[in-house]
Amino acid sequence: MPMPSMPNQPEPTAPQPNNDVAPSDATELTLKDVGEDGVLEQICSVLQAQSAHPPAQPPEDPETHATSASNPVAGPGDLIVGPGDDAAVSHAPGNLVSSVDILTEGADFLPEWFDPYRLGVKAAAQNLADICSMGASPHGLLFALAAPDDTPVNTVRLLAQGLSDEAARGGATVIGGDLSSSQCLTSTVTALGFIDRGLTPVTRSAAKPGHDVFLAGTVGWAAAGLALLFAGVRLGDDPLLDPFIEVQLAPRPDYESVQNLATWAAAGIDASDGLAGDLGRVARASGVRIRLDETAIDRLAEPLLPAAEHLGTPETAREWVLGGGEDHGFLACAPAGSAPVGWTRIGACEEGQPDVLVGDHSAADSAYKHF
């Protein structure tokens, strides 16, 4: 069997915030200093500035978010009433697709490596990936933030800017939100998307024996980055290790690869909890057994060796691939040969008790669980 091609590696750095949108007087002020209305004004000013200018690093292909005949992509023109009113009003030409994710200080990130701009990118990416994995087009994000009253205003501005930048990169816009006070910082994002009424959503339950399993993007990079952060490594310490930390702090999914997912994939899922965990969900929902190709797993683990060797545990590279989450790559099950360029075959579906095997051995689901 020919060696599978490697998926595109993530960009080594996330887009950087535009400092022009952060006035100097916001640097030292806290949320308590400016009050709720003042914070809302600060956030809205960031969103308005971002809507007037493209993200710092737009997609390489200027047609990436162009309208597609099969599943058109929403843009700012679809927003009729945006942030600042009681509710947002927008036009989405298709069936509504929605998802929500929470990022909580202490559970999802730690103050030791908190970066507000990158947290904004991550908050958008994890939600947009869920929308895209259903074969839908992102449309809008609703952003709810709870934070201590001594949080710097500029922290909130940078978080909003990261959220807005990544939303734009995914073809969406921030259309509204809410604010509250709390003992720790919590970001909750609801993503809205749509799928053409003539297309079937890509769910976890439609994989069939004989389907191949494909991956777009990466797996294991964010887990490697998290292990490095826990070991005290920070961005800038080592250029060889920076890409792993960057994916943990600010994952940037390959949205272009899933633009037409609903036209060819039978089943799919966002790779947010590791191959074993996410494909296990597909296997149980579809009633199939998934057998991963050992050569493909080894090839996915190979780029992670610098991080594993730095930590003195080379064997963990493979464990990160199978059990590490938060890269937000995409997994799809489809007939052999149907995946477009940019997708890598990593296994196949077969008859049998629902499970995920690597070769002949069951793959342990070691992804993080909140409860």
Protein backbone atom coordinates (compact mmCIF):
# COMPACT_ATOMS: atom_id res chain seq x y z
CA MET A 1 0.00 0.00 0.00
CA PRO A 2 1.45 3.45 -0.86
CA MET A 3 2.46 5.68 2.00
CA PRO A 4 -0.29 8.17 2.88
CA SER A 5 0.43 11.81 2.22
CA MET A 6 0.92 14.06 5.21
CA PRO A 7 -1.70 16.72 5.97
CA ASN A 8 -0.70 20.35 5.78
CA GLN A 9 1.21 21.37 8.88
CA PRO A 10 -0.16 24.31 10.86
CA GLU A 11 1.28 27.74 10.43
CA PRO A 12 4.00 28.31 13.06
CA THR A 13 2.38 31.45 14.43
CA ALA A 14 -1.12 32.78 14.78
CA PRO A 15 -1.97 36.22 13.36
CA GLN A 16 -0.87 38.98 15.68
CA PRO A 17 -3.26 41.56 17.11
CA ASN A 18 -3.54 44.93 15.44
CA ASN A 19 -2.29 47.34 18.10
CA ASP A 20 -4.02 50.22 16.32
CA VAL A 21 -7.36 49.11 17.80
CA ALA A 22 -6.12 49.29 21.41
CA PRO A 23 -6.03 52.90 22.71
CA SER A 24 -3.36 53.64 25.30
CA ASP A 25 -5.93 54.59 27.94
CA ALA A 26 -7.40 51.07 27.79
CA THR A 27 -4.11 49.49 28.79
CA GLU A 28 -4.33 50.33 32.50
CA LEU A 29 -8.09 50.66 33.01
CA THR A 30 -10.07 47.76 34.49
CA LEU A 31 -13.62 46.61 33.82
CA LYS A 32 -14.70 48.18 37.12
CA ASP A 33 -13.18 51.52 36.06
CA VAL A 34 -15.22 51.81 32.85
CA GLY A 35 -18.38 49.93 33.86
CA GLU A 36 -20.54 47.56 31.81
CA ASP A 37 -21.53 50.08 29.15
CA GLY A 38 -17.92 51.18 28.80
CA VAL A 39 -16.75 47.60 28.31
CA LEU A 40 -19.42 47.05 25.66
CA GLU A 41 -18.26 50.18 23.86
CA GLN A 42 -14.69 48.91 23.91
CA ILE A 43 -15.70 45.52 22.49
CA CYS A 44 -17.93 47.05 19.82
CA SER A 45 -15.15 49.41 18.75
CA VAL A 46 -12.85 46.42 18.22
CA LEU A 47 -15.47 44.55 16.20
CA GLN A 48 -16.22 47.61 14.09
CA ALA A 49 -12.51 48.16 13.43
CA GLN A 50 -12.05 44.52 12.47
CA SER A 51 -15.04 44.58 10.11
CA ALA A 52 -13.47 47.54 8.33
CA HIS A 53 -10.08 45.82 7.89
CA PRO A 54 -9.14 42.23 6.96
CA PRO A 55 -7.41 39.94 9.49
CA ALA A 56 -3.66 40.33 9.95
CA GLN A 57 -3.00 37.11 7.99
CA PRO A 58 -5.86 36.32 5.60
CA PRO A 59 -6.05 32.95 3.85
CA GLU A 60 -3.50 32.55 1.07
CA ASP A 61 -6.19 31.83 -1.51
CA PRO A 62 -8.32 34.96 -1.94
CA GLU A 63 -11.17 32.73 -3.14
CA THR A 64 -11.17 30.59 0.02
CA HIS A 65 -14.38 32.15 1.31
CA ALA A 66 -16.01 32.87 -2.03
CA THR A 67 -19.63 31.89 -2.58
CA SER A 68 -20.01 28.24 -3.54
CA ALA A 69 -22.91 26.98 -5.60
CA SER A 70 -23.32 23.95 -3.31
CA ASN A 71 -23.05 25.66 0.06
CA PRO A 72 -22.48 29.44 -0.04
CA VAL A 73 -20.46 31.12 2.70
CA ALA A 74 -22.00 33.88 4.79
CA GLY A 75 -20.26 37.21 4.97
CA PRO A 76 -20.66 40.63 6.62
CA GLY A 77 -23.36 41.50 4.07
CA ASP A 78 -25.62 38.88 5.67
CA LEU A 79 -25.63 40.81 8.98
CA ILE A 80 -28.60 43.16 9.12
CA VAL A 81 -28.37 44.31 12.77
CA GLY A 82 -25.10 43.66 14.62
CA PRO A 83 -23.66 44.15 18.13
CA GLY A 84 -25.16 46.95 20.19
CA ASP A 85 -28.89 46.18 19.96
CA ASP A 86 -31.10 43.82 21.97
CA ALA A 87 -30.55 41.05 19.44
CA ALA A 88 -28.71 40.44 16.19
CA VAL A 89 -30.54 40.10 12.90
CA SER A 90 -28.95 38.27 10.00
CA HIS A 91 -29.79 36.34 6.87
CA ALA A 92 -28.63 32.72 6.53
CA PRO A 93 -29.80 31.01 3.33
CA GLY A 94 -30.12 27.44 4.57
CA ASN A 95 -30.89 25.17 7.51
CA LEU A 96 -29.53 26.54 10.80
CA VAL A 97 -26.59 24.70 12.40
CA SER A 98 -25.57 25.72 15.94
CA SER A 99 -22.96 24.78 18.53
CA VAL A 100 -21.57 26.15 21.80
CA ASP A 101 -18.29 25.79 23.69
CA ILE A 102 -16.95 27.14 26.97
CA LEU A 103 -13.39 28.05 27.97
CA THR A 104 -12.96 28.45 31.74
CA GLU A 105 -9.88 29.63 33.58
CA GLY A 106 -8.44 26.79 35.63
CA ALA A 107 -10.15 24.04 33.60
CA ASP A 108 -9.30 24.99 30.01
CA PHE A 109 -6.38 27.38 30.44
CA LEU A 110 -4.12 28.58 33.24
CA PRO A 111 -3.06 32.12 34.16
CA GLU A 112 0.61 31.10 33.75
CA TRP A 113 0.25 31.03 29.97
CA PHE A 114 -2.91 33.08 29.44
CA ASP A 115 -2.74 35.14 26.25
CA PRO A 116 -6.03 37.00 25.63
CA TYR A 117 -5.61 37.37 21.88
CA ARG A 118 -4.80 33.69 21.38
CA LEU A 119 -7.63 32.67 23.71
CA GLY A 120 -9.97 34.62 21.45
CA VAL A 121 -8.63 32.75 18.43
CA LYS A 122 -9.12 29.43 20.23
CA ALA A 123 -12.65 30.30 21.36
CA ALA A 124 -13.64 31.01 17.76
CA ALA A 125 -11.76 28.08 16.23
CA GLN A 126 -13.24 25.37 18.43
CA ASN A 127 -16.76 26.54 17.60
CA LEU A 128 -16.21 27.13 13.89
CA ALA A 129 -14.68 23.66 13.60
CA ASP A 130 -17.86 22.11 15.01
CA ILE A 131 -19.95 23.93 12.42
CA CYS A 132 -17.64 22.96 9.57
CA SER A 133 -17.46 19.31 10.63
CA MET A 134 -21.22 19.06 9.99
CA GLY A 135 -20.69 20.12 6.38
CA ALA A 136 -22.08 23.58 7.14
CA SER A 137 -20.79 27.08 6.45
CA PRO A 138 -20.00 29.35 9.43
CA HIS A 139 -22.26 32.39 9.69
CA GLY A 140 -21.94 34.18 13.03
CA LEU A 141 -20.60 33.96 16.58
CA LEU A 142 -22.32 35.03 19.81
CA PHE A 143 -19.73 35.84 22.48
CA ALA A 144 -20.51 35.77 26.23
CA LEU A 145 -17.78 36.79 28.66
CA ALA A 146 -17.69 36.58 32.45
CA ALA A 147 -14.65 38.10 34.17
CA PRO A 148 -13.44 39.56 37.48
CA ASP A 149 -13.95 43.31 37.79
CA ASP A 150 -10.20 43.91 38.06
CA THR A 151 -9.59 42.46 34.59
CA PRO A 152 -7.80 45.02 32.39
CA VAL A 153 -9.98 46.47 29.65
CA ASN A 154 -7.23 45.78 27.14
CA THR A 155 -7.42 42.06 27.99
CA VAL A 156 -11.05 42.05 26.85
CA ARG A 157 -10.20 44.07 23.74
CA LEU A 158 -7.47 41.63 22.74
CA LEU A 159 -9.73 38.64 23.39
CA ALA A 160 -12.43 40.19 21.21
CA GLN A 161 -9.90 40.95 18.49
CA GLY A 162 -8.62 37.36 18.43
CA LEU A 163 -12.20 36.09 18.27
CA SER A 164 -13.05 38.47 15.44
CA ASP A 165 -9.89 37.70 13.45
CA GLU A 166 -10.47 33.95 13.56
CA ALA A 167 -14.17 34.36 12.81
CA ALA A 168 -13.23 36.31 9.68
CA ARG A 169 -10.68 33.66 8.68
CA GLY A 170 -13.46 31.07 8.93
CA GLY A 171 -15.93 33.13 6.90
CA ALA A 172 -18.06 34.34 9.83
CA THR A 173 -18.53 37.47 11.90
CA VAL A 174 -19.19 38.25 15.58
CA ILE A 175 -22.86 39.24 15.68
CA GLY A 176 -23.52 39.79 19.41
CA GLY A 177 -22.93 38.65 22.97
CA ASP A 178 -23.26 39.31 26.68
CA LEU A 179 -21.19 40.32 29.72
CA SER A 180 -21.17 39.29 33.37
CA SER A 181 -18.87 39.40 36.38
CA SER A 182 -17.36 36.29 37.97
CA GLN A 183 -14.48 35.07 40.12
CA CYS A 184 -12.60 33.72 37.10
CA LEU A 185 -12.55 34.45 33.39
CA THR A 186 -14.95 32.37 31.31
CA SER A 187 -15.57 32.70 27.59
CA THR A 188 -18.66 31.10 26.05
CA VAL A 189 -19.13 31.21 22.30
CA THR A 190 -22.19 30.06 20.37
CA ALA A 191 -21.54 29.48 16.70
CA LEU A 192 -24.25 29.67 14.06
CA GLY A 193 -23.92 28.25 10.58
CA PHE A 194 -26.09 27.00 7.79
CA ILE A 195 -26.22 24.20 5.28
CA ASP A 196 -27.92 24.29 1.93
CA ARG A 197 -31.39 22.75 2.19
CA GLY A 198 -30.51 20.35 -0.59
CA LEU A 199 -27.60 18.85 1.33
CA THR A 200 -27.57 16.31 4.17
CA PRO A 201 -25.68 17.30 7.33
CA VAL A 202 -22.53 15.27 7.97
CA THR A 203 -23.19 13.44 11.24
CA ARG A 204 -21.37 10.80 13.29
CA SER A 205 -23.92 8.09 12.54
CA ALA A 206 -23.64 7.44 8.78
CA ALA A 207 -20.30 5.60 8.47
CA LYS A 208 -20.58 2.20 6.74
CA PRO A 209 -18.34 -0.86 6.51
CA GLY A 210 -16.06 -0.34 3.53
CA HIS A 211 -15.77 3.40 4.02
CA ASP A 212 -12.28 4.83 4.35
CA VAL A 213 -11.37 7.20 7.20
CA PHE A 214 -9.74 10.50 6.22
CA LEU A 215 -8.02 13.31 8.13
CA ALA A 216 -7.57 16.97 7.22
CA GLY A 217 -5.29 19.04 9.41
CA THR A 218 -3.26 17.70 12.31
CA VAL A 219 -3.68 15.65 15.48
CA GLY A 220 -1.39 15.57 18.51
CA TRP A 221 0.18 19.00 18.06
CA ALA A 222 -1.94 20.72 20.71
CA ALA A 223 -1.37 17.86 23.16
CA ALA A 224 2.37 18.21 22.62
CA GLY A 225 2.06 21.95 23.20
CA LEU A 226 0.13 21.42 26.43
CA ALA A 227 2.77 18.99 27.73
CA LEU A 228 5.47 21.54 26.93
CA LEU A 229 3.56 24.31 28.72
CA PHE A 230 3.17 22.13 31.82
CA ALA A 231 6.94 21.49 31.62
CA GLY A 232 7.60 25.24 31.76
CA VAL A 233 8.35 25.82 28.07
CA ARG A 234 6.93 29.08 26.68
CA LEU A 235 6.55 30.60 23.24
CA GLY A 236 9.90 31.98 22.12
CA ASP A 237 12.01 29.61 24.20
CA ASP A 238 12.78 27.28 21.29
CA PRO A 239 11.72 27.81 17.65
CA LEU A 240 11.48 24.04 17.16
CA LEU A 241 8.88 23.80 19.93
CA ASP A 242 6.92 27.00 19.23
CA PRO A 243 4.59 25.42 16.61
CA PHE A 244 3.25 22.90 19.13
CA ILE A 245 2.57 25.54 21.78
CA GLU A 246 0.96 27.78 19.17
CA VAL A 247 -1.52 25.07 18.19
CA GLN A 248 -2.45 24.57 21.85
CA LEU A 249 -2.93 28.28 22.53
CA ALA A 250 -4.46 29.28 19.20
CA PRO A 251 -5.47 26.39 16.91
CA ARG A 252 -6.18 27.39 13.32
CA PRO A 253 -8.32 24.75 11.59
CA ASP A 254 -8.06 24.14 7.86
CA TYR A 255 -11.48 25.57 6.99
CA GLU A 256 -10.79 25.44 3.27
CA SER A 257 -10.57 21.64 3.34
CA VAL A 258 -14.18 21.27 4.55
CA GLN A 259 -15.91 23.81 2.34
CA ASN A 260 -17.71 21.10 0.34
CA LEU A 261 -17.66 18.34 2.97
CA ALA A 262 -21.39 17.62 2.67
CA THR A 263 -21.03 16.80 -1.03
CA TRP A 264 -18.76 13.78 -0.50
CA ALA A 265 -18.48 12.69 3.17
CA ALA A 266 -20.94 10.24 4.74
CA ALA A 267 -19.90 10.81 8.38
CA GLY A 268 -17.57 13.19 10.13
CA ILE A 269 -16.44 14.80 13.36
CA ASP A 270 -14.20 17.60 14.57
CA ALA A 271 -10.94 16.09 15.87
CA SER A 272 -11.02 17.84 19.24
CA ASP A 273 -10.55 14.88 21.60
CA GLY A 274 -7.99 12.70 19.84
CA LEU A 275 -8.34 10.03 17.18
CA ALA A 276 -9.33 7.28 19.61
CA GLY A 277 -11.96 9.37 21.38
CA ASP A 278 -13.52 11.08 18.38
CA LEU A 279 -13.48 8.07 16.06
CA GLY A 280 -14.82 6.01 18.96
CA ARG A 281 -17.88 8.29 18.95
CA VAL A 282 -18.29 7.74 15.22
CA ALA A 283 -17.89 3.97 15.63
CA ARG A 284 -20.55 3.77 18.35
CA ALA A 285 -22.98 6.09 16.57
CA SER A 286 -22.59 4.25 13.25
CA GLY A 287 -22.30 0.70 14.59
CA VAL A 288 -18.98 0.03 12.86
CA ARG A 289 -15.46 -0.91 13.88
CA ILE A 290 -12.72 1.47 12.75
CA ARG A 291 -9.25 0.12 12.06
CA LEU A 292 -6.48 2.74 11.83
CA ASP A 293 -3.45 2.13 9.64
CA GLU A 294 -0.30 1.80 11.77
CA THR A 295 1.89 3.35 9.09
CA ALA A 296 -0.39 6.39 8.90
CA ILE A 297 -0.28 6.79 12.70
CA ASP A 298 3.51 6.59 12.70
CA ARG A 299 3.70 9.25 10.00
CA LEU A 300 1.41 11.53 12.00
CA ALA A 301 3.58 11.01 15.09
CA GLU A 302 6.89 11.71 13.34
CA PRO A 303 6.61 15.55 13.33
CA LEU A 304 5.91 15.45 17.09
CA LEU A 305 9.24 13.82 17.96
CA PRO A 306 11.06 17.12 18.72
CA ALA A 307 8.55 17.83 21.51
CA ALA A 308 8.55 14.25 22.80
CA GLU A 309 12.36 14.07 22.79
CA HIS A 310 12.62 17.44 24.55
CA LEU A 311 10.49 15.98 27.35
CA GLY A 312 12.56 12.80 27.37
CA THR A 313 9.64 10.58 26.34
CA PRO A 314 9.85 9.79 22.59
CA GLU A 315 7.09 7.19 22.91
CA THR A 316 4.53 9.86 23.81
CA ALA A 317 4.48 11.18 20.22
CA ARG A 318 2.25 8.29 19.20
CA GLU A 319 0.13 8.70 22.34
CA TRP A 320 -0.47 12.35 21.48
CA VAL A 321 -1.71 11.39 18.03
CA LEU A 322 -4.18 8.84 19.38
CA GLY A 323 -5.30 10.59 22.57
CA GLY A 324 -4.43 14.26 22.24
CA GLY A 325 -7.14 16.79 21.45
CA GLU A 326 -7.65 20.48 20.60
CA ASP A 327 -5.96 20.59 17.18
CA HIS A 328 -9.43 20.81 15.64
CA GLY A 329 -8.54 18.92 12.51
CA PHE A 330 -11.35 17.15 10.67
CA LEU A 331 -12.19 13.46 10.36
CA ALA A 332 -14.46 12.04 7.68
CA CYS A 333 -15.69 8.61 6.59
CA ALA A 334 -16.47 8.16 2.91
CA PRO A 335 -16.20 5.67 0.04
CA ALA A 336 -12.63 4.89 -0.99
CA GLY A 337 -11.05 7.50 -3.21
CA SER A 338 -13.76 10.12 -2.71
CA ALA A 339 -11.82 12.57 -0.50
CA PRO A 340 -10.43 15.66 -2.28
CA VAL A 341 -6.85 16.89 -2.21
CA GLY A 342 -5.73 17.85 1.30
CA TRP A 343 -7.22 14.81 3.02
CA THR A 344 -5.12 11.85 4.17
CA ARG A 345 -6.42 8.27 4.39
CA ILE A 346 -5.67 6.95 7.91
CA GLY A 347 -7.89 3.88 8.20
CA ALA A 348 -11.13 2.15 7.26
CA CYS A 349 -14.52 1.15 8.65
CA GLU A 350 -15.46 -2.52 8.88
CA GLU A 351 -18.12 -4.76 10.35
CA GLY A 352 -17.73 -5.66 14.01
CA GLN A 353 -18.26 -4.49 17.56
CA PRO A 354 -17.87 -0.69 17.68
CA ASP A 355 -14.27 0.07 18.55
CA VAL A 356 -11.15 1.85 17.30
CA LEU A 357 -8.21 -0.42 16.55
CA VAL A 358 -4.62 0.37 15.64
CA GLY A 359 -3.62 -2.71 13.73
CA ASP A 360 -5.15 -5.48 15.84
CA HIS A 361 -5.11 -3.66 19.19
CA SER A 362 -7.81 -1.46 20.71
CA ALA A 363 -6.76 2.18 20.99
CA ALA A 364 -7.24 3.57 24.48
CA ASP A 365 -9.28 6.78 24.71
CA SER A 366 -7.03 8.96 26.87
CA ALA A 367 -8.55 12.32 25.98
CA TYR A 368 -9.21 14.79 28.80
CA LYS A 369 -12.64 14.45 30.45
CA HIS A 370 -14.21 17.23 32.53
CA PHE A 371 -16.11 14.79 34.74
